[in-house]
């Protein structure tokens, strides 16, 4: 009983997506396990993430007008992973920008810059 509780707790922590949220630790299955998407086969090279938070690759964001602004404005407050997982309409992205400026202290974007950002987000991360 004393051994099982810490083991179960450790497995629950490792099974949590948050366990690998801010780490470069490669996900490699144990021998005999079927690799999940994004995992390297046992003994193989780790899968490369679709996104990063580094400036050199602009976080893995697709090229296009608005990319640099999205990278710097979004990364200033949160991980780009949040941008990648949203899948919102242009209208919803617009509402979110308003909320971030009004409630979260994001600096407002100039009109043309805002249009480019909304076009970019809707095209690459839209629903």
C-alpha atoms as a PDB file:
ATOM      1  CA  UNK A   1       0.000   0.000   0.000  1.00  0.00           C
ATOM      2  CA  UNK A   2       2.764   2.432   0.878  1.00  0.00           C
ATOM      3  CA  UNK A   3       4.522   1.793  -2.426  1.00  0.00           C
ATOM      4  CA  UNK A   4       1.370   1.955  -4.573  1.00  0.00           C
ATOM      5  CA  UNK A   5       0.212   5.435  -3.548  1.00  0.00           C
ATOM      6  CA  UNK A   6       3.409   7.285  -4.589  1.00  0.00           C
ATOM      7  CA  UNK A   7       3.582   5.198  -7.758  1.00  0.00           C
ATOM      8  CA  UNK A   8       0.008   6.060  -8.720  1.00  0.00           C
ATOM      9  CA  UNK A   9       0.571   9.740  -7.903  1.00  0.00           C
ATOM     10  CA  UNK A  10       3.721   9.775 -10.033  1.00  0.00           C
ATOM     11  CA  UNK A  11       1.923   8.139 -12.956  1.00  0.00           C
ATOM     12  CA  UNK A  12      -0.903  10.665 -12.743  1.00  0.00           C
ATOM     13  CA  UNK A  13       1.566  13.534 -12.825  1.00  0.00           C
ATOM     14  CA  UNK A  14       3.421  12.031 -15.788  1.00  0.00           C
ATOM     15  CA  UNK A  15       0.160  11.377 -17.647  1.00  0.00           C
ATOM     16  CA  UNK A  16      -0.852  15.008 -17.314  1.00  0.00           C
ATOM     17  CA  UNK A  17      -0.306  17.144 -20.445  1.00  0.00           C
ATOM     18  CA  UNK A  18       0.989  19.860 -18.119  1.00  0.00           C
ATOM     19  CA  UNK A  19       3.881  17.599 -17.147  1.00  0.00           C
ATOM     20  CA  UNK A  20       5.537  18.320 -20.491  1.00  0.00           C
ATOM     21  CA  UNK A  21       4.015  21.758 -21.158  1.00  0.00           C
ATOM     22  CA  UNK A  22       7.169  23.808 -20.585  1.00  0.00           C
ATOM     23  CA  UNK A  23       9.936  21.300 -21.143  1.00  0.00           C
ATOM     24  CA  UNK A  24      12.066  20.113 -24.025  1.00  0.00           C
ATOM     25  CA  UNK A  25      11.939  16.564 -22.677  1.00  0.00           C
ATOM     26  CA  UNK A  26      11.318  14.219 -25.618  1.00  0.00           C
ATOM     27  CA  UNK A  27       8.334  11.933 -25.337  1.00  0.00           C
ATOM     28  CA  UNK A  28       9.606   8.411 -25.960  1.00  0.00           C
ATOM     29  CA  UNK A  29       7.439   5.366 -25.279  1.00  0.00           C
ATOM     30  CA  UNK A  30       8.684   2.527 -23.142  1.00  0.00           C
ATOM     31  CA  UNK A  31       9.720  -0.651 -24.976  1.00  0.00           C
ATOM     32  CA  UNK A  32       6.627  -2.550 -26.077  1.00  0.00           C
ATOM     33  CA  UNK A  33       4.396   0.553 -26.078  1.00  0.00           C
ATOM     34  CA  UNK A  34       2.734   1.843 -29.217  1.00  0.00           C
ATOM     35  CA  UNK A  35       4.029   5.379 -29.886  1.00  0.00           C
ATOM     36  CA  UNK A  36       1.392   8.094 -29.658  1.00  0.00           C
ATOM     37  CA  UNK A  37       1.368  10.978 -32.170  1.00  0.00           C
ATOM     38  CA  UNK A  38       4.361  13.217 -31.507  1.00  0.00           C
ATOM     39  CA  UNK A  39       6.365  10.474 -29.781  1.00  0.00           C
ATOM     40  CA  UNK A  40       9.549   9.008 -31.145  1.00  0.00           C
ATOM     41  CA  UNK A  41       9.735   5.253 -31.666  1.00  0.00           C
ATOM     42  CA  UNK A  42      11.852   3.493 -29.011  1.00  0.00           C
ATOM     43  CA  UNK A  43      15.489   4.311 -29.734  1.00  0.00           C
ATOM     44  CA  UNK A  44      14.486   6.768 -32.480  1.00  0.00           C
ATOM     45  CA  UNK A  45      14.863  10.497 -32.812  1.00  0.00           C
ATOM     46  CA  UNK A  46      12.377  12.552 -30.780  1.00  0.00           C
ATOM     47  CA  UNK A  47       9.597  14.132 -32.833  1.00  0.00           C
ATOM     48  CA  UNK A  48      10.160  17.811 -33.587  1.00  0.00           C
ATOM     49  CA  UNK A  49       7.445  20.071 -32.152  1.00  0.00           C
ATOM     50  CA  UNK A  50       5.276  22.082 -34.520  1.00  0.00           C
ATOM     51  CA  UNK A  51       5.959  25.155 -32.432  1.00  0.00           C
ATOM     52  CA  UNK A  52       8.729  26.562 -30.331  1.00  0.00           C
ATOM     53  CA  UNK A  53       9.071  29.711 -28.313  1.00  0.00           C
ATOM     54  CA  UNK A  54      12.361  30.809 -29.839  1.00  0.00           C
ATOM     55  CA  UNK A  55      12.880  34.033 -31.731  1.00  0.00           C
ATOM     56  CA  UNK A  56      14.993  32.466 -34.487  1.00  0.00           C
ATOM     57  CA  UNK A  57      12.054  30.459 -35.883  1.00  0.00           C
ATOM     58  CA  UNK A  58       9.362  32.932 -34.787  1.00  0.00           C
ATOM     59  CA  UNK A  59       7.929  30.159 -32.664  1.00  0.00           C
ATOM     60  CA  UNK A  60       7.310  27.990 -35.707  1.00  0.00           C
ATOM     61  CA  UNK A  61       4.559  30.354 -36.849  1.00  0.00           C
ATOM     62  CA  UNK A  62       3.755  30.068 -40.556  1.00  0.00           C
ATOM     63  CA  UNK A  63       5.194  32.896 -42.695  1.00  0.00           C
ATOM     64  CA  UNK A  64       2.956  35.779 -43.676  1.00  0.00           C
ATOM     65  CA  UNK A  65       2.019  39.380 -42.914  1.00  0.00           C
ATOM     66  CA  UNK A  66       1.353  39.695 -39.186  1.00  0.00           C
ATOM     67  CA  UNK A  67       3.641  36.836 -38.158  1.00  0.00           C
ATOM     68  CA  UNK A  68       6.217  38.968 -36.352  1.00  0.00           C
ATOM     69  CA  UNK A  69       3.566  41.009 -34.549  1.00  0.00           C
ATOM     70  CA  UNK A  70       1.748  37.853 -33.450  1.00  0.00           C
ATOM     71  CA  UNK A  71       5.015  36.380 -32.199  1.00  0.00           C
ATOM     72  CA  UNK A  72       6.058  39.369 -30.098  1.00  0.00           C
ATOM     73  CA  UNK A  73       2.652  40.480 -28.831  1.00  0.00           C
ATOM     74  CA  UNK A  74       1.426  37.000 -27.914  1.00  0.00           C
ATOM     75  CA  UNK A  75       4.695  35.736 -26.453  1.00  0.00           C
ATOM     76  CA  UNK A  76       4.974  38.807 -24.231  1.00  0.00           C
ATOM     77  CA  UNK A  77       2.220  37.386 -21.991  1.00  0.00           C
ATOM     78  CA  UNK A  78       1.828  33.681 -22.728  1.00  0.00           C
ATOM     79  CA  UNK A  79       3.181  30.710 -24.613  1.00  0.00           C
ATOM     80  CA  UNK A  80       2.502  30.455 -28.329  1.00  0.00           C
ATOM     81  CA  UNK A  81       0.944  27.068 -27.589  1.00  0.00           C
ATOM     82  CA  UNK A  82      -2.211  28.955 -26.659  1.00  0.00           C
ATOM     83  CA  UNK A  83      -2.330  30.541 -30.123  1.00  0.00           C
ATOM     84  CA  UNK A  84      -1.784  27.187 -31.831  1.00  0.00           C
ATOM     85  CA  UNK A  85      -4.660  25.490 -30.036  1.00  0.00           C
ATOM     86  CA  UNK A  86      -7.410  28.117 -30.390  1.00  0.00           C
ATOM     87  CA  UNK A  87      -8.928  27.582 -33.854  1.00  0.00           C
ATOM     88  CA  UNK A  88     -11.258  30.605 -33.607  1.00  0.00           C
ATOM     89  CA  UNK A  89     -13.051  32.642 -36.249  1.00  0.00           C
ATOM     90  CA  UNK A  90     -11.760  36.080 -37.228  1.00  0.00           C
ATOM     91  CA  UNK A  91     -14.626  37.642 -35.260  1.00  0.00           C
ATOM     92  CA  UNK A  92     -13.721  35.639 -32.146  1.00  0.00           C
ATOM     93  CA  UNK A  93     -10.034  36.563 -32.517  1.00  0.00           C
ATOM     94  CA  UNK A  94     -11.138  40.205 -32.743  1.00  0.00           C
ATOM     95  CA  UNK A  95     -13.204  39.876 -29.540  1.00  0.00           C
ATOM     96  CA  UNK A  96     -10.236  38.265 -27.834  1.00  0.00           C
ATOM     97  CA  UNK A  97      -7.898  41.113 -28.850  1.00  0.00           C
ATOM     98  CA  UNK A  98     -10.387  43.629 -27.411  1.00  0.00           C
ATOM     99  CA  UNK A  99     -10.531  41.638 -24.161  1.00  0.00           C
ATOM    100  CA  UNK A 100      -6.739  41.385 -23.927  1.00  0.00           C
ATOM    101  CA  UNK A 101      -6.337  45.150 -24.396  1.00  0.00           C
ATOM    102  CA  UNK A 102      -9.168  46.111 -22.023  1.00  0.00           C
ATOM    103  CA  UNK A 103      -8.733  43.499 -19.294  1.00  0.00           C
ATOM    104  CA  UNK A 104      -5.200  42.104 -19.583  1.00  0.00           C
ATOM    105  CA  UNK A 105      -3.147  45.226 -20.317  1.00  0.00           C
ATOM    106  CA  UNK A 106      -2.036  44.319 -23.838  1.00  0.00           C
ATOM    107  CA  UNK A 107      -0.863  47.417 -25.722  1.00  0.00           C
ATOM    108  CA  UNK A 108      -3.369  48.341 -28.454  1.00  0.00           C
ATOM    109  CA  UNK A 109      -2.369  47.654 -32.046  1.00  0.00           C
ATOM    110  CA  UNK A 110      -2.423  50.309 -34.764  1.00  0.00           C
ATOM    111  CA  UNK A 111      -5.297  49.838 -37.259  1.00  0.00           C
ATOM    112  CA  UNK A 112      -3.215  48.339 -40.097  1.00  0.00           C
ATOM    113  CA  UNK A 113      -1.214  46.181 -37.711  1.00  0.00           C
ATOM    114  CA  UNK A 114      -4.435  44.932 -36.088  1.00  0.00           C
ATOM    115  CA  UNK A 115      -5.893  44.062 -39.505  1.00  0.00           C
ATOM    116  CA  UNK A 116      -2.746  42.091 -40.396  1.00  0.00           C
ATOM    117  CA  UNK A 117      -2.825  40.245 -37.061  1.00  0.00           C
ATOM    118  CA  UNK A 118      -6.509  39.342 -37.419  1.00  0.00           C
ATOM    119  CA  UNK A 119      -6.016  38.232 -41.035  1.00  0.00           C
ATOM    120  CA  UNK A 120      -3.011  36.143 -39.981  1.00  0.00           C
ATOM    121  CA  UNK A 121      -4.720  34.510 -36.995  1.00  0.00           C
ATOM    122  CA  UNK A 122      -7.902  33.759 -38.965  1.00  0.00           C
ATOM    123  CA  UNK A 123      -5.933  32.270 -41.866  1.00  0.00           C
ATOM    124  CA  UNK A 124      -3.505  30.126 -39.877  1.00  0.00           C
ATOM    125  CA  UNK A 125      -5.349  29.507 -36.601  1.00  0.00           C
ATOM    126  CA  UNK A 126      -8.984  29.977 -37.577  1.00  0.00           C
ATOM    127  CA  UNK A 127     -11.959  27.700 -37.454  1.00  0.00           C
END
